[in-house]
Amino acid sequence: MPLPPLQIANLMRTNGLHASKGLGQNFLQDDEILAKIVTAAQVTRQDDVLEIGPGLGSLTRHLALTAHSVTAIELDASLIPVLGDVLKPFGNVRVVQGDILKLNPALLMPSGDYLVVANIPYYITSAVFRHLLENTPRPRRIALTIQKEVAERICARPGEMSLLALSVQVYGEPQISAEIPAEAFFPVPKVDSAIIRVNLYPEPRIPQESLETFFRLAKAGFSQKRKTLRNSLSAGLHISAQQAETYLRQSKIDPMRRAETLSLEEWGELCRITQAV
């Protein structure tokens, strides 16, 4: 069925609501872009979708038309009554009031086969990715509207890698599906956004039993970005610079390189070498 426009500003004014800066609330209201998000996420009638931060239901409505079911988690209790009214026509939507970072996705989505599609507050981007990817079962696909600059960082290649990029790319392949101008939101944020889609691998690219070591090494490597790996690993792992250099040379990595230049495969080899000692 065609969706009537959801007039966010009018809806908020009528119900005495105000966008919360503290909660990073910028409501996406462009229906053409909302439809693009659903398309980018490749949602079908067989899919169960977990949505984070539905706000007033603008994206939720589009998801409900396409998905088998939508479970929408909203932190702001003041939005729940209006959200319930907006979503009343859709029998396949369940609204849960709570903090996604304190909820177990596996309990919310008991089938274990689900997608995550959401327009999330910028300030929780890293935490949301970590929460979704480190819990099991992981979603099959994640499609999020996030700050454009952060989306580009997540999709970076060796030379411009970051801890966030590594943390996502070890679990799946990220790509930017579309860019979104700031004007598509209410209130208008100061930066542009992008839709990032991550298709998750059946298993992480680093063996599950080695992931703890992998992240410990990566965090140490990126802890002092301006230093060489020899020095950053030494400081971050509390080992001598000579020992750090030995690990790197055994991994066929120049100790003078910096963390952002390493590929995921090189981190994997470093992980293997350090575990073998």
Protein backbone atom coordinates (compact mmCIF):
# COMPACT_ATOMS: atom_id res chain seq x y z
CA MET A 1 0.00 0.00 0.00
CA PRO A 2 1.24 3.54 -0.69
CA LEU A 3 2.44 5.32 2.42
CA PRO A 4 1.09 8.78 3.23
CA PRO A 5 3.91 11.21 4.06
CA LEU A 6 4.89 11.26 7.73
CA GLN A 7 5.13 14.92 8.67
CA ILE A 8 7.77 14.67 11.40
CA ALA A 9 7.81 18.33 12.45
CA ASN A 10 4.01 18.50 12.68
CA LEU A 11 3.81 15.17 14.49
CA MET A 12 6.30 16.33 17.09
CA ARG A 13 4.69 19.72 17.56
CA THR A 14 1.21 18.21 17.92
CA ASN A 15 2.42 15.79 20.56
CA GLY A 16 4.60 18.27 22.43
CA LEU A 17 7.82 16.46 21.52
CA HIS A 18 11.31 17.84 20.96
CA ALA A 19 14.29 16.20 19.31
CA SER A 20 16.87 15.31 21.95
CA LYS A 21 20.44 16.39 21.22
CA GLY A 22 21.62 14.15 24.03
CA LEU A 23 20.13 11.12 22.28
CA GLY A 24 21.41 12.24 18.88
CA GLN A 25 17.91 12.42 17.43
CA ASN A 26 17.76 13.40 13.76
CA PHE A 27 14.69 11.90 12.13
CA LEU A 28 14.99 10.81 8.51
CA GLN A 29 11.89 12.00 6.66
CA ASP A 30 12.63 11.67 2.93
CA ASP A 31 10.47 8.76 1.70
CA GLU A 32 12.59 8.20 -1.39
CA ILE A 33 15.70 7.74 0.77
CA LEU A 34 13.83 5.60 3.28
CA ALA A 35 12.87 3.27 0.44
CA LYS A 36 16.53 3.25 -0.67
CA ILE A 37 17.58 2.00 2.77
CA VAL A 38 15.16 -0.93 2.54
CA THR A 39 16.44 -1.71 -0.96
CA ALA A 40 20.08 -1.44 0.13
CA ALA A 41 19.37 -3.88 2.98
CA GLN A 42 17.85 -6.31 0.44
CA VAL A 43 14.86 -6.92 2.71
CA THR A 44 12.40 -9.56 1.50
CA ARG A 45 9.08 -10.89 2.75
CA GLN A 46 10.97 -13.79 4.37
CA ASP A 47 13.18 -11.55 6.53
CA ASP A 48 12.87 -10.71 10.20
CA VAL A 49 14.34 -7.26 10.84
CA LEU A 50 15.76 -5.69 13.99
CA GLU A 51 15.51 -1.89 13.86
CA ILE A 52 17.44 0.29 16.31
CA GLY A 53 16.01 3.69 17.16
CA PRO A 54 12.80 3.82 15.12
CA GLY A 55 12.06 7.34 16.38
CA LEU A 56 8.60 8.14 15.04
CA GLY A 57 8.45 5.17 12.70
CA SER A 58 9.43 6.67 9.35
CA LEU A 59 11.76 3.81 8.39
CA THR A 60 9.74 1.26 10.36
CA ARG A 61 6.73 1.77 8.08
CA HIS A 62 8.79 1.06 4.97
CA LEU A 63 10.32 -2.01 6.58
CA ALA A 64 6.91 -3.30 7.66
CA LEU A 65 5.67 -3.19 4.07
CA THR A 66 8.56 -5.36 2.90
CA ALA A 67 9.70 -7.62 5.76
CA HIS A 68 8.11 -10.62 7.43
CA SER A 69 8.44 -8.92 10.82
CA VAL A 70 10.07 -5.86 12.41
CA THR A 71 11.27 -5.62 16.01
CA ALA A 72 11.92 -1.94 16.75
CA ILE A 73 13.97 -0.97 19.83
CA GLU A 74 13.42 2.61 21.01
CA LEU A 75 15.31 4.13 23.95
CA ASP A 76 13.23 7.31 24.30
CA ALA A 77 10.12 6.43 26.29
CA SER A 78 8.44 9.72 25.33
CA LEU A 79 8.23 8.56 21.69
CA ILE A 80 6.56 5.22 22.40
CA PRO A 81 2.90 6.42 22.47
CA VAL A 82 3.21 8.29 19.14
CA LEU A 83 5.22 5.45 17.64
CA GLY A 84 2.44 3.06 18.60
CA ASP A 85 -0.15 5.25 16.86
CA VAL A 86 1.94 5.60 13.69
CA LEU A 87 2.53 1.85 13.48
CA LYS A 88 -1.01 0.78 14.38
CA PRO A 89 -1.84 -0.22 10.76
CA PHE A 90 1.04 -2.71 10.69
CA GLY A 91 0.44 -6.04 12.39
CA ASN A 92 3.97 -7.32 11.83
CA VAL A 93 5.76 -4.72 14.01
CA ARG A 94 6.77 -5.14 17.64
CA VAL A 95 8.01 -2.09 19.56
CA VAL A 96 10.31 -2.62 22.55
CA GLN A 97 11.29 0.26 24.82
CA GLY A 98 14.91 -0.12 25.89
CA ASP A 99 18.60 0.42 25.20
CA ILE A 100 19.88 -1.86 22.43
CA LEU A 101 23.35 -1.80 24.00
CA LYS A 102 21.92 -3.42 27.14
CA LEU A 103 19.72 -5.93 25.32
CA ASN A 104 20.80 -9.27 23.87
CA PRO A 105 20.00 -9.37 20.13
CA ALA A 106 19.73 -13.18 20.31
CA LEU A 107 16.84 -12.87 22.79
CA LEU A 108 15.15 -10.22 20.68
CA MET A 109 15.49 -12.28 17.49
CA PRO A 110 15.13 -15.91 18.62
CA SER A 111 15.06 -17.31 15.07
CA GLY A 112 18.77 -16.47 14.84
CA ASP A 113 18.36 -15.48 11.19
CA TYR A 114 17.76 -11.76 10.97
CA LEU A 115 18.80 -8.44 9.44
CA VAL A 116 19.57 -5.18 11.20
CA VAL A 117 18.32 -2.06 9.41
CA ALA A 118 18.40 1.31 11.16
CA ASN A 119 19.04 5.03 11.18
CA ILE A 120 21.13 5.21 14.34
CA PRO A 121 22.43 8.15 16.39
CA TYR A 122 25.97 8.91 15.21
CA TYR A 123 27.51 8.76 18.67
CA ILE A 124 26.72 5.05 19.19
CA THR A 125 27.99 3.81 15.79
CA SER A 126 31.08 1.99 17.09
CA ALA A 127 29.26 0.60 20.12
CA VAL A 128 26.37 -0.71 17.99
CA PHE A 129 28.68 -2.47 15.55
CA ARG A 130 30.63 -4.02 18.41
CA HIS A 131 27.45 -5.14 20.19
CA LEU A 132 25.92 -6.71 17.08
CA LEU A 133 29.10 -8.38 15.83
CA GLU A 134 30.44 -9.72 19.11
CA ASN A 135 27.14 -11.33 20.13
CA THR A 136 25.91 -14.55 18.56
CA PRO A 137 24.05 -15.41 16.49
CA ARG A 138 25.12 -12.44 14.39
CA PRO A 139 22.75 -10.85 11.90
CA ARG A 140 23.05 -12.00 8.30
CA ARG A 141 23.27 -8.42 7.07
CA ILE A 142 23.52 -4.96 8.61
CA ALA A 143 22.39 -1.76 6.87
CA LEU A 144 22.82 1.45 8.84
CA THR A 145 22.48 5.14 8.13
CA ILE A 146 25.53 6.71 9.75
CA GLN A 147 27.79 9.74 9.39
CA LYS A 148 29.30 9.72 5.90
CA GLU A 149 32.85 10.21 7.15
CA VAL A 150 32.54 7.24 9.52
CA ALA A 151 31.09 5.06 6.74
CA GLU A 152 34.12 5.89 4.61
CA ARG A 153 36.46 4.98 7.48
CA ILE A 154 34.76 1.61 7.93
CA CYS A 155 35.24 0.84 4.22
CA ALA A 156 38.92 1.90 4.23
CA ARG A 157 41.70 -0.15 2.66
CA PRO A 158 45.26 -0.71 3.95
CA GLY A 159 47.00 2.64 4.21
CA GLU A 160 43.98 4.26 5.84
CA MET A 161 42.77 1.46 8.10
CA SER A 162 41.42 2.12 11.59
CA LEU A 163 40.47 -0.07 14.52
CA LEU A 164 36.80 0.42 13.59
CA ALA A 165 37.45 -0.68 9.99
CA LEU A 166 39.26 -3.81 11.17
CA SER A 167 36.56 -4.55 13.72
CA VAL A 168 33.89 -4.57 11.02
CA GLN A 169 35.86 -6.10 8.15
CA VAL A 170 36.89 -9.14 10.17
CA TYR A 171 33.18 -10.09 10.30
CA GLY A 172 31.87 -8.92 6.94
CA GLU A 173 32.27 -6.90 3.77
CA PRO A 174 31.17 -3.26 4.11
CA GLN A 175 30.16 -0.99 1.26
CA ILE A 176 28.49 2.39 0.94
CA SER A 177 25.18 1.97 -0.87
CA ALA A 178 24.14 5.63 -1.06
CA GLU A 179 24.91 9.05 0.33
CA ILE A 180 22.27 11.10 2.16
CA PRO A 181 22.29 14.90 2.36
CA ALA A 182 21.81 16.48 5.76
CA GLU A 183 18.61 18.14 4.50
CA ALA A 184 16.84 14.77 4.43
CA PHE A 185 16.66 14.84 8.25
CA PHE A 186 14.69 16.78 10.85
CA PRO A 187 16.27 18.54 12.58
CA VAL A 188 19.03 19.00 10.00
CA PRO A 189 22.39 17.67 11.28
CA LYS A 190 25.70 19.41 10.57
CA VAL A 191 27.08 16.56 8.46
CA ASP A 192 25.97 14.36 5.58
CA SER A 193 25.19 10.68 6.08
CA ALA A 194 25.55 7.47 4.13
CA ILE A 195 23.90 4.06 4.00
CA ILE A 196 26.47 1.41 4.81
CA ARG A 197 25.68 -2.24 4.17
CA VAL A 198 27.72 -5.07 5.70
CA ASN A 199 27.16 -8.58 4.38
CA LEU A 200 28.45 -10.85 7.12
CA TYR A 201 30.64 -13.86 6.41
CA PRO A 202 29.48 -17.27 7.65
CA GLU A 203 32.53 -17.21 9.95
CA PRO A 204 34.93 -14.35 10.88
CA ARG A 205 38.07 -14.05 8.75
CA ILE A 206 40.12 -14.64 11.89
CA PRO A 207 39.37 -18.01 13.59
CA GLN A 208 36.90 -17.59 16.44
CA GLU A 209 39.39 -18.90 19.00
CA SER A 210 41.94 -16.26 17.92
CA LEU A 211 39.66 -13.22 17.93
CA GLU A 212 40.56 -12.15 21.47
CA THR A 213 44.26 -12.11 20.55
CA PHE A 214 43.50 -10.36 17.26
CA PHE A 215 41.65 -7.51 18.95
CA ARG A 216 44.28 -7.22 21.69
CA LEU A 217 46.99 -6.81 19.03
CA ALA A 218 44.92 -4.38 16.95
CA LYS A 219 44.07 -2.20 19.94
CA ALA A 220 47.73 -2.11 20.92
CA GLY A 221 48.77 -1.27 17.35
CA PHE A 222 46.31 1.61 17.05
CA SER A 223 46.82 2.88 20.60
CA GLN A 224 49.61 5.22 19.45
CA LYS A 225 48.93 5.78 15.77
CA ARG A 226 51.89 8.08 15.14
CA LYS A 227 54.36 5.50 16.37
CA THR A 228 55.78 2.58 14.45
CA LEU A 229 54.27 -0.83 15.09
CA ARG A 230 57.46 -1.81 16.92
CA ASN A 231 56.87 0.90 19.50
CA SER A 232 53.06 0.86 19.66
CA LEU A 233 52.95 -2.93 20.16
CA SER A 234 55.68 -2.70 22.76
CA ALA A 235 53.74 -0.09 24.74
CA GLY A 236 50.30 -1.60 24.20
CA LEU A 237 51.26 -5.19 24.98
CA HIS A 238 53.75 -4.30 27.76
CA ILE A 239 56.59 -6.18 26.07
CA SER A 240 60.05 -5.04 25.07
CA ALA A 241 60.55 -3.26 21.76
CA GLN A 242 62.89 -6.10 20.78
CA GLN A 243 60.20 -8.71 21.42
CA ALA A 244 57.68 -6.68 19.40
CA GLU A 245 60.17 -6.44 16.54
CA THR A 246 60.73 -10.20 16.65
CA TYR A 247 57.00 -10.89 16.37
CA LEU A 248 56.73 -8.49 13.43
CA ARG A 249 59.72 -9.86 11.54
CA GLN A 250 58.49 -13.42 12.03
CA SER A 251 55.19 -12.25 10.53
CA LYS A 252 57.11 -10.72 7.59
CA ILE A 253 56.01 -7.22 8.61
CA ASP A 254 58.45 -4.31 8.62
CA PRO A 255 58.62 -3.11 12.28
CA MET A 256 58.82 0.48 11.03
CA ARG A 257 55.36 0.36 9.46
CA ARG A 258 52.34 1.90 11.15
CA ALA A 259 49.09 0.17 12.13
CA GLU A 260 46.93 1.81 9.44
CA THR A 261 49.04 0.25 6.66
CA LEU A 262 48.45 -3.39 7.63
CA SER A 263 45.90 -5.57 5.86
CA LEU A 264 43.56 -7.88 7.72
CA GLU A 265 45.63 -10.82 6.46
CA GLU A 266 48.79 -9.33 7.98
CA TRP A 267 47.06 -8.84 11.33
CA GLY A 268 45.96 -12.46 11.07
CA GLU A 269 49.51 -13.65 10.51
CA LEU A 270 50.78 -11.54 13.42
CA CYS A 271 48.04 -13.05 15.54
CA ARG A 272 49.10 -16.57 14.52
CA ILE A 273 52.77 -15.89 15.30
CA THR A 274 52.13 -14.41 18.74
CA GLN A 275 49.83 -17.28 19.70
CA ALA A 276 52.42 -19.83 18.59
CA VAL A 277 55.05 -18.48 20.99
